[in-house]
Amino acid sequence: MAWWGRLLGLGLAVWLFCLAPAGAEDFNKRSLIGMNFAGQDLTDASFVKAVLRQTNFQGTDLRGVSFFGANLDQANLAGANLTGATLDTALMTHTNLTNAILTSAYAYLTNFSGADITGADFTDVGLRRDAQLLLCERARGVNPVTGVATRESLGCRS
């Protein structure tokens, strides 16, 4: 195969595997401090390494969203659907996650210090054991959509 054919094939592979799905919003590395995304459908959007301090995502559909390395300090994610989201290395300090759905999200190196997790559903979320134990200390409530208790979803011991 000629060199241009290989280059075209490589370009196609990069396009297929690295770019966001068609129609998905790309907010990567943007500063969106205090923005209001409340109630929007942002399914599969990408906020990789974005600065989202004090941003309002209340009731927003964030299924499949990537918040990898994002700063969500003091953000409002109350009632948001984060099913299948990537939260790894995100800073979610003092974030409002009241009644949020985080089912099957990946949050292995996420910092949840001071976050309000009342009624949040963490079913099948990938967490470090130490983060799980810290979240269990504050876990209370039942998610009004899924009906799952926060403590149960985190696998907390009685």
Protein backbone atom coordinates (compact mmCIF):
# COMPACT_ATOMS: atom_id res chain seq x y z
CA MET A 1 0.00 0.00 0.00
CA ALA A 2 1.30 3.46 -0.88
CA TRP A 3 2.34 5.85 1.92
CA TRP A 4 -0.72 8.04 1.32
CA GLY A 5 -3.00 5.00 1.76
CA ARG A 6 -1.41 4.22 5.13
CA LEU A 7 -1.75 7.85 6.17
CA LEU A 8 -5.41 7.89 5.16
CA GLY A 9 -5.99 4.66 7.12
CA LEU A 10 -4.29 6.12 10.19
CA GLY A 11 -6.36 9.29 9.93
CA LEU A 12 -9.55 7.24 9.72
CA ALA A 13 -8.52 5.21 12.79
CA VAL A 14 -7.86 8.38 14.78
CA TRP A 15 -11.22 9.79 13.74
CA LEU A 16 -13.07 6.60 14.73
CA PHE A 17 -11.42 6.00 18.09
CA CYS A 18 -10.45 9.40 19.47
CA LEU A 19 -13.11 11.88 18.52
CA ALA A 20 -16.35 12.39 20.40
CA PRO A 21 -19.49 10.79 18.99
CA ALA A 22 -21.38 12.78 16.38
CA GLY A 23 -23.51 15.47 17.97
CA ALA A 24 -21.66 15.39 21.31
CA GLU A 25 -20.56 18.76 22.68
CA ASP A 26 -16.83 19.35 23.25
CA PHE A 27 -16.02 21.62 26.20
CA ASN A 28 -12.52 20.22 26.78
CA LYS A 29 -10.05 22.45 28.62
CA ARG A 30 -12.52 25.38 28.71
CA SER A 31 -13.13 27.68 31.64
CA LEU A 32 -16.88 27.62 32.29
CA ILE A 33 -16.97 28.95 35.84
CA GLY A 34 -20.50 29.64 37.04
CA MET A 35 -22.20 28.60 33.77
CA ASN A 36 -25.79 27.35 33.83
CA PHE A 37 -26.44 24.02 32.09
CA ALA A 38 -29.45 23.13 34.30
CA GLY A 39 -31.96 20.75 32.74
CA GLN A 40 -30.09 20.34 29.43
CA ASP A 41 -29.36 17.13 27.54
CA LEU A 42 -25.57 16.90 27.37
CA THR A 43 -25.40 13.15 26.74
CA ASP A 44 -21.87 12.06 25.71
CA ALA A 45 -20.45 15.59 26.00
CA SER A 46 -16.80 15.98 26.91
CA PHE A 47 -15.52 18.29 29.65
CA VAL A 48 -11.99 16.85 29.90
CA LYS A 49 -9.84 19.07 32.15
CA ALA A 50 -12.47 21.84 32.05
CA VAL A 51 -12.79 24.36 34.88
CA LEU A 52 -16.39 24.08 36.04
CA ARG A 53 -16.31 25.62 39.51
CA GLN A 54 -19.76 26.72 40.71
CA THR A 55 -21.34 25.53 37.45
CA ASN A 56 -25.01 24.51 37.55
CA PHE A 57 -25.82 21.05 36.13
CA GLN A 58 -28.97 20.57 38.22
CA GLY A 59 -31.29 17.99 36.61
CA THR A 60 -29.03 17.71 33.56
CA ASP A 61 -28.74 14.53 31.47
CA LEU A 62 -25.02 13.78 31.65
CA ARG A 63 -25.09 10.12 30.64
CA GLY A 64 -21.76 9.03 29.18
CA VAL A 65 -20.15 12.43 29.79
CA SER A 66 -16.41 12.68 30.40
CA PHE A 67 -15.38 14.91 33.28
CA PHE A 68 -11.87 13.40 33.27
CA GLY A 69 -9.59 15.74 35.23
CA ALA A 70 -12.27 18.45 35.44
CA ASN A 71 -12.56 20.91 38.32
CA LEU A 72 -16.15 20.70 39.60
CA ASP A 73 -15.51 22.39 42.95
CA GLN A 74 -18.82 23.68 44.35
CA ALA A 75 -20.71 22.64 41.21
CA ASN A 76 -24.41 21.78 41.46
CA LEU A 77 -25.17 18.31 40.08
CA ALA A 78 -28.33 17.77 42.14
CA GLY A 79 -30.67 15.37 40.35
CA ALA A 80 -28.26 14.98 37.42
CA ASN A 81 -28.01 11.66 35.59
CA LEU A 82 -24.32 10.71 35.36
CA THR A 83 -24.88 7.08 34.34
CA GLY A 84 -21.72 5.74 32.68
CA ALA A 85 -19.85 9.03 33.13
CA THR A 86 -16.07 9.23 33.45
CA LEU A 87 -15.19 11.20 36.58
CA ASP A 88 -11.65 9.90 37.03
CA THR A 89 -9.21 12.44 38.53
CA ALA A 90 -12.04 15.01 38.72
CA LEU A 91 -12.11 17.45 41.62
CA MET A 92 -15.63 17.23 43.05
CA THR A 93 -14.96 18.97 46.34
CA HIS A 94 -18.00 20.57 47.95
CA THR A 95 -20.04 19.45 44.93
CA ASN A 96 -23.81 19.04 45.35
CA LEU A 97 -24.63 15.48 44.25
CA THR A 98 -27.99 15.33 46.04
CA ASN A 99 -30.21 12.72 44.33
CA ALA A 100 -27.72 12.34 41.46
CA ILE A 101 -27.53 9.04 39.58
CA LEU A 102 -23.94 7.87 39.10
CA THR A 103 -24.70 4.27 38.14
CA SER A 104 -21.76 2.55 36.38
CA ALA A 105 -19.68 5.74 36.42
CA TYR A 106 -15.90 5.49 36.67
CA ALA A 107 -14.52 7.55 39.55
CA TYR A 108 -11.40 5.74 40.69
CA LEU A 109 -9.25 8.79 41.47
CA THR A 110 -12.05 11.32 42.02
CA ASN A 111 -11.85 13.67 45.02
CA PHE A 112 -15.29 13.87 46.70
CA SER A 113 -14.14 15.80 49.81
CA GLY A 114 -17.03 17.78 51.29
CA ALA A 115 -19.48 16.69 48.57
CA ASP A 116 -23.16 16.38 49.50
CA ILE A 117 -24.13 12.86 48.43
CA THR A 118 -27.57 12.67 50.07
CA GLY A 119 -29.74 10.35 47.98
CA ALA A 120 -27.05 9.80 45.35
CA ASP A 121 -26.99 6.37 43.67
CA PHE A 122 -23.42 5.01 43.34
CA THR A 123 -24.43 1.53 42.09
CA ASP A 124 -21.50 -0.13 40.27
CA VAL A 125 -19.29 2.98 40.45
CA GLY A 126 -15.57 2.27 40.24
CA LEU A 127 -14.12 3.81 43.44
CA ARG A 128 -10.95 3.33 45.46
CA ARG A 129 -11.61 1.59 48.77
CA ASP A 130 -10.47 4.62 50.81
CA ALA A 131 -12.81 6.92 48.86
CA GLN A 132 -15.66 4.46 49.37
CA LEU A 133 -15.07 4.44 53.14
CA LEU A 134 -15.03 8.25 53.30
CA LEU A 135 -18.25 8.47 51.28
CA CYS A 136 -19.88 5.87 53.55
CA GLU A 137 -19.29 8.20 56.51
CA ARG A 138 -21.63 10.75 54.87
CA ALA A 139 -23.98 8.42 53.00
CA ARG A 140 -27.68 8.85 53.75
CA GLY A 141 -30.97 9.06 51.89
CA VAL A 142 -32.61 7.20 49.05
CA ASN A 143 -32.50 8.21 45.41
CA PRO A 144 -36.02 9.27 44.38
CA VAL A 145 -35.65 7.97 40.81
CA THR A 146 -33.91 4.61 41.31
CA GLY A 147 -35.21 3.90 44.83
CA VAL A 148 -31.72 2.81 45.91
CA ALA A 149 -30.32 3.92 49.28
CA THR A 150 -27.00 5.76 49.04
CA ARG A 151 -25.39 3.52 51.68
CA GLU A 152 -26.54 0.39 49.82
CA SER A 153 -25.26 1.68 46.47
CA LEU A 154 -21.83 2.33 48.00
CA GLY A 155 -21.70 -1.09 49.64
CA CYS A 156 -21.37 0.47 53.10
CA ARG A 157 -21.45 -1.83 56.09
CA SER A 158 -24.32 -1.19 58.48
